[in-house]
Amino acid sequence: IGIPIGTFADPAYPAPVRSVWEETKHG
């Protein structure tokens, strides 16, 4: 089950370990 990290309201939450669908990433 996935939890959007913004719902933790914790700026110290760890960063992503991977980035997917970068072909549609904003430049």
PDB file of all heavy atoms in Angstrom:
ATOM      1  N   ILE A   1       0.872  -1.176   0.000  1.00  0.00           N
ATOM      2  CA  ILE A   1       0.000   0.000   0.000  1.00  0.00           C
ATOM      3  C   ILE A   1       0.909   1.225   0.000  1.00  0.00           C
ATOM      4  O   ILE A   1       1.933   1.252   0.675  1.00  0.00           O
ATOM      5  CB  ILE A   1      -0.963  -0.021   1.201  1.00  0.00           C
ATOM      6  CG1 ILE A   1      -1.969   1.120   1.124  1.00  0.00           C
ATOM      7  CG2 ILE A   1      -0.229  -0.004   2.521  1.00  0.00           C
ATOM      8  CD1 ILE A   1      -3.145   0.947   2.060  1.00  0.00           C
ATOM      9  N   GLY A   2       0.552   2.193  -0.824  1.00  0.00           N
ATOM     10  CA  GLY A   2       1.356   3.401  -0.944  1.00  0.00           C
ATOM     11  C   GLY A   2       0.730   4.561  -0.206  1.00  0.00           C
ATOM     12  O   GLY A   2      -0.494   4.720  -0.207  1.00  0.00           O
ATOM     13  N   ILE A   3       1.572   5.375   0.397  1.00  0.00           N
ATOM     14  CA  ILE A   3       1.139   6.557   1.139  1.00  0.00           C
ATOM     15  C   ILE A   3       1.849   7.776   0.534  1.00  0.00           C
ATOM     16  O   ILE A   3       3.084   7.836   0.546  1.00  0.00           O
ATOM     17  CB  ILE A   3       1.494   6.441   2.645  1.00  0.00           C
ATOM     18  CG1 ILE A   3       1.007   5.125   3.249  1.00  0.00           C
ATOM     19  CG2 ILE A   3       0.972   7.656   3.404  1.00  0.00           C
ATOM     20  CD1 ILE A   3      -0.488   4.926   3.270  1.00  0.00           C
ATOM     21  N   PRO A   4       1.097   8.742  -0.009  1.00  0.00           N
ATOM     22  CA  PRO A   4       1.753   9.958  -0.516  1.00  0.00           C
ATOM     23  C   PRO A   4       2.509  10.662   0.623  1.00  0.00           C
ATOM     24  O   PRO A   4       1.952  10.882   1.705  1.00  0.00           O
ATOM     25  CB  PRO A   4       0.579  10.814  -1.013  1.00  0.00           C
ATOM     26  CG  PRO A   4      -0.512   9.821  -1.295  1.00  0.00           C
ATOM     27  CD  PRO A   4      -0.345   8.753  -0.252  1.00  0.00           C
ATOM     28  N   ILE A   5       3.771  10.984   0.381  1.00  0.00           N
ATOM     29  CA  ILE A   5       4.596  11.462   1.494  1.00  0.00           C
ATOM     30  C   ILE A   5       4.175  12.825   2.020  1.00  0.00           C
ATOM     31  O   ILE A   5       4.457  13.152   3.162  1.00  0.00           O
ATOM     32  CB  ILE A   5       6.110  11.414   1.196  1.00  0.00           C
ATOM     33  CG1 ILE A   5       6.506  12.424   0.150  1.00  0.00           C
ATOM     34  CG2 ILE A   5       6.535  10.018   0.824  1.00  0.00           C
ATOM     35  CD1 ILE A   5       8.011  12.634   0.080  1.00  0.00           C
ATOM     36  N   GLY A   6       3.467  13.618   1.236  1.00  0.00           N
ATOM     37  CA  GLY A   6       2.978  14.899   1.737  1.00  0.00           C
ATOM     38  C   GLY A   6       1.997  14.751   2.883  1.00  0.00           C
ATOM     39  O   GLY A   6       1.835  15.664   3.690  1.00  0.00           O
ATOM     40  N   THR A   7       1.343  13.581   2.995  1.00  0.00           N
ATOM     41  CA  THR A   7       0.375  13.372   4.067  1.00  0.00           C
ATOM     42  C   THR A   7       1.052  13.192   5.429  1.00  0.00           C
ATOM     43  O   THR A   7       0.376  13.232   6.452  1.00  0.00           O
ATOM     44  CB  THR A   7      -0.541  12.163   3.779  1.00  0.00           C
ATOM     45  OG1 THR A   7       0.255  10.996   3.622  1.00  0.00           O
ATOM     46  CG2 THR A   7      -1.383  12.406   2.536  1.00  0.00           C
ATOM     47  N   PHE A   8       2.368  12.997   5.438  1.00  0.00           N
ATOM     48  CA  PHE A   8       3.103  12.940   6.703  1.00  0.00           C
ATOM     49  C   PHE A   8       3.388  14.336   7.249  1.00  0.00           C
ATOM     50  O   PHE A   8       3.663  14.492   8.434  1.00  0.00           O
ATOM     51  CB  PHE A   8       4.426  12.190   6.539  1.00  0.00           C
ATOM     52  CG  PHE A   8       4.255  10.738   6.233  1.00  0.00           C
ATOM     53  CD1 PHE A   8       4.596  10.240   4.984  1.00  0.00           C
ATOM     54  CD2 PHE A   8       3.755   9.863   7.177  1.00  0.00           C
ATOM     55  CE1 PHE A   8       4.444   8.895   4.686  1.00  0.00           C
ATOM     56  CE2 PHE A   8       3.595   8.511   6.891  1.00  0.00           C
ATOM     57  CZ  PHE A   8       3.938   8.034   5.637  1.00  0.00           C
ATOM     58  N   ALA A   9       3.352  15.350   6.376  1.00  0.00           N
ATOM     59  CA  ALA A   9       3.664  16.727   6.764  1.00  0.00           C
ATOM     60  C   ALA A   9       4.983  16.774   7.540  1.00  0.00           C
ATOM     61  O   ALA A   9       5.101  17.393   8.590  1.00  0.00           O
ATOM     62  CB  ALA A   9       2.520  17.345   7.577  1.00  0.00           C
ATOM     63  N   ASP A  10       5.986  16.083   6.991  1.00  0.00           N
ATOM     64  CA  ASP A  10       7.288  15.973   7.646  1.00  0.00           C
ATOM     65  C   ASP A  10       8.387  16.272   6.631  1.00  0.00           C
ATOM     66  O   ASP A  10       8.728  15.412   5.815  1.00  0.00           O
ATOM     67  CB  ASP A  10       7.460  14.561   8.212  1.00  0.00           C
ATOM     68  CG  ASP A  10       8.799  14.354   8.901  1.00  0.00           C
ATOM     69  OD1 ASP A  10       9.609  15.297   8.979  1.00  0.00           O
ATOM     70  OD2 ASP A  10       9.035  13.220   9.365  1.00  0.00           O
ATOM     71  N   PRO A  11       8.956  17.478   6.645  1.00  0.00           N
ATOM     72  CA  PRO A  11      10.014  17.811   5.694  1.00  0.00           C
ATOM     73  C   PRO A  11      11.249  16.929   5.808  1.00  0.00           C
ATOM     74  O   PRO A  11      12.067  16.885   4.891  1.00  0.00           O
ATOM     75  CB  PRO A  11      10.362  19.263   6.029  1.00  0.00           C
ATOM     76  CG  PRO A  11       9.237  19.782   6.843  1.00  0.00           C
ATOM     77  CD  PRO A  11       8.603  18.593   7.510  1.00  0.00           C
ATOM     78  N   ALA A  12      11.395  16.202   6.909  1.00  0.00           N
ATOM     79  CA  ALA A  12      12.552  15.324   7.089  1.00  0.00           C
ATOM     80  C   ALA A  12      12.298  13.912   6.547  1.00  0.00           C
ATOM     81  O   ALA A  12      13.181  13.057   6.653  1.00  0.00           O
ATOM     82  CB  ALA A  12      12.920  15.247   8.571  1.00  0.00           C
ATOM     83  N   TYR A  13      11.112  13.657   5.984  1.00  0.00           N
ATOM     84  CA  TYR A  13      10.839  12.322   5.446  1.00  0.00           C
ATOM     85  C   TYR A  13      11.878  12.012   4.358  1.00  0.00           C
ATOM     86  O   TYR A  13      12.267  12.895   3.602  1.00  0.00           O
ATOM     87  CB  TYR A  13       9.413  12.244   4.867  1.00  0.00           C
ATOM     88  CG  TYR A  13       8.961  10.824   4.685  1.00  0.00           C
ATOM     89  CD1 TYR A  13       8.349  10.139   5.721  1.00  0.00           C
ATOM     90  CD2 TYR A  13       9.197  10.145   3.497  1.00  0.00           C
ATOM     91  CE1 TYR A  13       7.965   8.813   5.580  1.00  0.00           C
ATOM     92  CE2 TYR A  13       8.819   8.827   3.347  1.00  0.00           C
ATOM     93  CZ  TYR A  13       8.197   8.164   4.389  1.00  0.00           C
ATOM     94  OH  TYR A  13       7.838   6.854   4.238  1.00  0.00           O
ATOM     95  N   PRO A  14      12.350  10.764   4.274  1.00  0.00           N
ATOM     96  CA  PRO A  14      13.399  10.431   3.303  1.00  0.00           C
ATOM     97  C   PRO A  14      13.015  10.725   1.841  1.00  0.00           C
ATOM     98  O   PRO A  14      11.844  10.713   1.488  1.00  0.00           O
ATOM     99  CB  PRO A  14      13.592   8.925   3.508  1.00  0.00           C
ATOM    100  CG  PRO A  14      13.089   8.648   4.886  1.00  0.00           C
ATOM    101  CD  PRO A  14      11.985   9.636   5.123  1.00  0.00           C
ATOM    102  N   ALA A  15      14.020  10.950   1.041  1.00  0.00           N
ATOM    103  CA  ALA A  15      13.852  11.250  -0.385  1.00  0.00           C
ATOM    104  C   ALA A  15      13.541   9.977  -1.175  1.00  0.00           C
ATOM    105  O   ALA A  15      13.783   8.860  -0.705  1.00  0.00           O
ATOM    106  CB  ALA A  15      15.142  11.878  -0.921  1.00  0.00           C
ATOM    107  N   PRO A  16      13.035  10.128  -2.396  1.00  0.00           N
ATOM    108  CA  PRO A  16      12.774   8.961  -3.242  1.00  0.00           C
ATOM    109  C   PRO A  16      14.044   8.169  -3.550  1.00  0.00           C
ATOM    110  O   PRO A  16      15.145   8.726  -3.592  1.00  0.00           O
ATOM    111  CB  PRO A  16      12.218   9.561  -4.537  1.00  0.00           C
ATOM    112  CG  PRO A  16      11.753  10.924  -4.170  1.00  0.00           C
ATOM    113  CD  PRO A  16      12.627  11.371  -3.037  1.00  0.00           C
ATOM    114  N   VAL A  17      13.854   6.867  -3.760  1.00  0.00           N
ATOM    115  CA  VAL A  17      14.960   5.997  -4.163  1.00  0.00           C
ATOM    116  C   VAL A  17      14.941   5.746  -5.669  1.00  0.00           C
ATOM    117  O   VAL A  17      15.905   5.241  -6.226  1.00  0.00           O
ATOM    118  CB  VAL A  17      14.940   4.646  -3.409  1.00  0.00           C
ATOM    119  CG1 VAL A  17      15.149   4.873  -1.913  1.00  0.00           C
ATOM    120  CG2 VAL A  17      13.676   3.864  -3.678  1.00  0.00           C
ATOM    121  N   ARG A  18      13.820   6.092  -6.320  1.00  0.00           N
ATOM    122  CA  ARG A  18      13.743   5.984  -7.775  1.00  0.00           C
ATOM    123  C   ARG A  18      12.734   6.985  -8.318  1.00  0.00           C
ATOM    124  O   ARG A  18      11.842   7.434  -7.613  1.00  0.00           O
ATOM    125  CB  ARG A  18      13.447   4.569  -8.223  1.00  0.00           C
ATOM    126  CG  ARG A  18      12.073   4.067  -8.051  1.00  0.00           C
ATOM    127  CD  ARG A  18      11.955   2.616  -8.576  1.00  0.00           C
ATOM    128  NE  ARG A  18      11.142   1.816  -7.714  1.00  0.00           N
ATOM    129  CZ  ARG A  18      11.541   1.140  -6.662  1.00  0.00           C
ATOM    130  NH1 ARG A  18      12.805   1.151  -6.312  1.00  0.00           N
ATOM    131  NH2 ARG A  18      10.705   0.449  -5.939  1.00  0.00           N
ATOM    132  N   SER A  19      12.913   7.296  -9.592  1.00  0.00           N
ATOM    133  CA  SER A  19      12.063   8.229 -10.315  1.00  0.00           C
ATOM    134  C   SER A  19      11.581   7.529 -11.581  1.00  0.00           C
ATOM    135  O   SER A  19      12.401   7.047 -12.370  1.00  0.00           O
ATOM    136  CB  SER A  19      12.862   9.490 -10.655  1.00  0.00           C
ATOM    137  OG  SER A  19      12.107  10.401 -11.410  1.00  0.00           O
ATOM    138  N   VAL A  20      10.257   7.459 -11.763  1.00  0.00           N
ATOM    139  CA  VAL A  20       9.689   6.744 -12.908  1.00  0.00           C
ATOM    140  C   VAL A  20       8.869   7.687 -13.784  1.00  0.00           C
ATOM    141  O   VAL A  20       8.479   8.760 -13.366  1.00  0.00           O
ATOM    142  CB  VAL A  20       8.828   5.539 -12.448  1.00  0.00           C
ATOM    143  CG1 VAL A  20       9.687   4.527 -11.684  1.00  0.00           C
ATOM    144  CG2 VAL A  20       7.643   5.982 -11.605  1.00  0.00           C
ATOM    145  N   TRP A  21       8.647   7.274 -15.012  1.00  0.00           N
ATOM    146  CA  TRP A  21       7.902   8.026 -16.024  1.00  0.00           C
ATOM    147  C   TRP A  21       8.535   9.390 -16.281  1.00  0.00           C
ATOM    148  O   TRP A  21       7.866  10.393 -16.470  1.00  0.00           O
ATOM    149  CB  TRP A  21       6.415   8.127 -15.674  1.00  0.00           C
ATOM    150  CG  TRP A  21       5.745   6.812 -15.916  1.00  0.00           C
ATOM    151  CD1 TRP A  21       5.495   5.845 -14.983  1.00  0.00           C
ATOM    152  CD2 TRP A  21       5.319   6.297 -17.168  1.00  0.00           C
ATOM    153  NE1 TRP A  21       4.936   4.746 -15.591  1.00  0.00           N
ATOM    154  CE2 TRP A  21       4.812   5.003 -16.941  1.00  0.00           C
ATOM    155  CE3 TRP A  21       5.333   6.795 -18.468  1.00  0.00           C
ATOM    156  CZ2 TRP A  21       4.305   4.202 -17.949  1.00  0.00           C
ATOM    157  CZ3 TRP A  21       4.824   6.004 -19.486  1.00  0.00           C
ATOM    158  CH2 TRP A  21       4.319   4.722 -19.221  1.00  0.00           C
ATOM    159  N   GLU A  22       9.868   9.388 -16.366  1.00  0.00           N
ATOM    160  CA  GLU A  22      10.573  10.645 -16.623  1.00  0.00           C
ATOM    161  C   GLU A  22      10.370  11.167 -18.038  1.00  0.00           C
ATOM    162  O   GLU A  22      10.638  12.339 -18.293  1.00  0.00           O
ATOM    163  CB  GLU A  22      12.056  10.497 -16.287  1.00  0.00           C
ATOM    164  CG  GLU A  22      12.281  10.399 -14.788  1.00  0.00           C
ATOM    165  CD  GLU A  22      13.736  10.531 -14.387  1.00  0.00           C
ATOM    166  OE1 GLU A  22      14.644  10.394 -15.239  1.00  0.00           O
ATOM    167  OE2 GLU A  22      13.974  10.787 -13.185  1.00  0.00           O
ATOM    168  N   GLU A  23       9.833  10.343 -18.933  1.00  0.00           N
ATOM    169  CA  GLU A  23       9.558  10.846 -20.284  1.00  0.00           C
ATOM    170  C   GLU A  23       8.441  11.901 -20.269  1.00  0.00           C
ATOM    171  O   GLU A  23       8.327  12.670 -21.217  1.00  0.00           O
ATOM    172  CB  GLU A  23       9.241   9.718 -21.257  1.00  0.00           C
ATOM    173  CG  GLU A  23       7.911   9.045 -21.062  1.00  0.00           C
ATOM    174  CD  GLU A  23       7.661   7.926 -22.074  1.00  0.00           C
ATOM    175  OE1 GLU A  23       8.619   7.407 -22.662  1.00  0.00           O
ATOM    176  OE2 GLU A  23       6.498   7.593 -22.272  1.00  0.00           O
ATOM    177  N   THR A  24       7.630  11.966 -19.202  1.00  0.00           N
ATOM    178  CA  THR A  24       6.604  13.005 -19.075  1.00  0.00           C
ATOM    179  C   THR A  24       6.907  13.954 -17.911  1.00  0.00           C
ATOM    180  O   THR A  24       6.032  14.690 -17.467  1.00  0.00           O
ATOM    181  CB  THR A  24       5.200  12.378 -18.923  1.00  0.00           C
ATOM    182  OG1 THR A  24       5.214  11.379 -17.907  1.00  0.00           O
ATOM    183  CG2 THR A  24       4.738  11.763 -20.233  1.00  0.00           C
ATOM    184  N   LYS A  25       8.144  13.955 -17.451  1.00  0.00           N
ATOM    185  CA  LYS A  25       8.584  14.853 -16.375  1.00  0.00           C
ATOM    186  C   LYS A  25       8.634  16.285 -16.912  1.00  0.00           C
ATOM    187  O   LYS A  25       9.051  16.525 -18.042  1.00  0.00           O
ATOM    188  CB  LYS A  25       9.972  14.412 -15.889  1.00  0.00           C
ATOM    189  CG  LYS A  25      10.593  15.289 -14.836  1.00  0.00           C
ATOM    190  CD  LYS A  25      11.879  14.697 -14.284  1.00  0.00           C
ATOM    191  CE  LYS A  25      13.028  14.711 -15.231  1.00  0.00           C
ATOM    192  NZ  LYS A  25      13.622  16.005 -15.494  1.00  0.00           N
ATOM    193  N   HIS A  26       8.205  17.237 -16.107  1.00  0.00           N
ATOM    194  CA  HIS A  26       8.330  18.648 -16.478  1.00  0.00           C
ATOM    195  C   HIS A  26       9.807  18.987 -16.610  1.00  0.00           C
ATOM    196  O   HIS A  26      10.622  18.571 -15.776  1.00  0.00           O
ATOM    197  CB  HIS A  26       7.686  19.528 -15.409  1.00  0.00           C
ATOM    198  CG  HIS A  26       6.191  19.457 -15.407  1.00  0.00           C
ATOM    199  ND1 HIS A  26       5.394  20.566 -15.482  1.00  0.00           N
ATOM    200  CD2 HIS A  26       5.342  18.406 -15.346  1.00  0.00           C
ATOM    201  CE1 HIS A  26       4.132  20.209 -15.469  1.00  0.00           C
ATOM    202  NE2 HIS A  26       4.065  18.906 -15.372  1.00  0.00           N
ATOM    203  N   GLY A  27      10.152  19.753 -17.641  1.00  0.00           N
ATOM    204  CA  GLY A  27      11.545  20.061 -17.934  1.00  0.00           C
ATOM    205  C   GLY A  27      12.276  20.786 -16.827  1.00  0.00           C
ATOM    206  O   GLY A  27      13.492  20.669 -16.698  1.00  0.00           O
TER     207      GLY A  27
END
